[in-house]
Amino acid sequence: MNGQKRERIRPGITVDIVLKQDQRSGKLTRGVVKDLLTKSAHHPHGIKVRLEDGNVGRIKHIVE
């Protein structure tokens, strides 16, 4: 499941995000959502979140 809709995202779920410095390579980082940073209901590049380890990036996949 992709991370473009804010309604699907909540703190505590595990996601794969792409960090700003990894956007060119597409390298993903897995972690648990701490905060949602995107205010809009939808974002074409993925909802921006802060993980519990402090990394910030846009969600590419929700791990189920």
Protein backbone atom coordinates (compact mmCIF):
# COMPACT_ATOMS: atom_id res chain seq x y z
CA MET A 1 0.00 0.00 0.00
CA ASN A 2 1.39 3.40 -0.90
CA GLY A 3 1.61 6.37 1.45
CA GLN A 4 -0.15 9.09 -0.55
CA LYS A 5 -3.31 9.36 1.57
CA ARG A 6 -3.06 10.85 5.05
CA GLU A 7 -6.10 8.90 6.33
CA ARG A 8 -4.09 5.65 6.07
CA ILE A 9 -1.20 6.93 8.19
CA ARG A 10 -1.12 7.01 11.99
CA PRO A 11 1.61 7.00 14.62
CA GLY A 12 2.86 3.53 15.45
CA ILE A 13 2.65 1.92 12.00
CA THR A 14 5.73 0.60 10.20
CA VAL A 15 6.55 2.26 6.88
CA ASP A 16 9.28 2.52 4.26
CA ILE A 17 10.27 6.13 3.55
CA VAL A 18 12.68 7.82 1.17
CA LEU A 19 14.93 10.37 2.85
CA LYS A 20 15.70 13.69 1.12
CA GLN A 21 19.31 12.67 0.43
CA ASP A 22 18.15 9.31 -1.02
CA GLN A 23 15.57 10.67 -3.47
CA ARG A 24 17.85 10.21 -6.51
CA SER A 25 18.81 6.62 -5.64
CA GLY A 26 15.39 5.64 -4.29
CA LYS A 27 16.93 3.93 -1.24
CA LEU A 28 14.26 3.18 1.35
CA THR A 29 14.49 3.44 5.13
CA ARG A 30 12.16 1.39 7.34
CA GLY A 31 10.83 2.68 10.64
CA VAL A 32 7.88 3.41 12.88
CA VAL A 33 5.89 6.64 12.40
CA LYS A 34 6.13 9.14 15.26
CA ASP A 35 4.66 12.34 13.70
CA LEU A 36 2.80 13.24 10.52
CA LEU A 37 4.29 16.39 8.96
CA THR A 38 2.09 16.78 5.85
CA LYS A 39 -1.16 18.60 6.63
CA SER A 40 -3.00 17.96 3.35
CA ALA A 41 -5.19 14.87 2.89
CA HIS A 42 -3.22 13.69 -0.16
CA HIS A 43 0.28 14.18 -1.55
CA PRO A 44 1.43 12.70 -4.89
CA HIS A 45 4.97 11.98 -3.63
CA GLY A 46 3.87 10.50 -0.30
CA ILE A 47 2.94 11.88 3.10
CA LYS A 48 5.94 13.33 4.95
CA VAL A 49 6.54 11.81 8.39
CA ARG A 50 9.07 11.77 11.22
CA LEU A 51 10.09 8.32 12.37
CA GLU A 52 10.74 7.36 15.99
CA ASP A 53 14.50 7.40 15.26
CA GLY A 54 14.26 11.02 14.06
CA ASN A 55 14.54 10.46 10.30
CA VAL A 56 12.20 12.54 8.12
CA GLY A 57 10.99 11.49 4.70
CA ARG A 58 8.07 10.69 2.43
CA ILE A 59 6.26 7.38 2.74
CA LYS A 60 6.63 5.04 -0.23
CA HIS A 61 5.14 1.86 1.29
CA ILE A 62 3.11 0.93 4.33
CA VAL A 63 4.39 -2.35 5.78
CA GLU A 64 1.54 -4.69 6.68
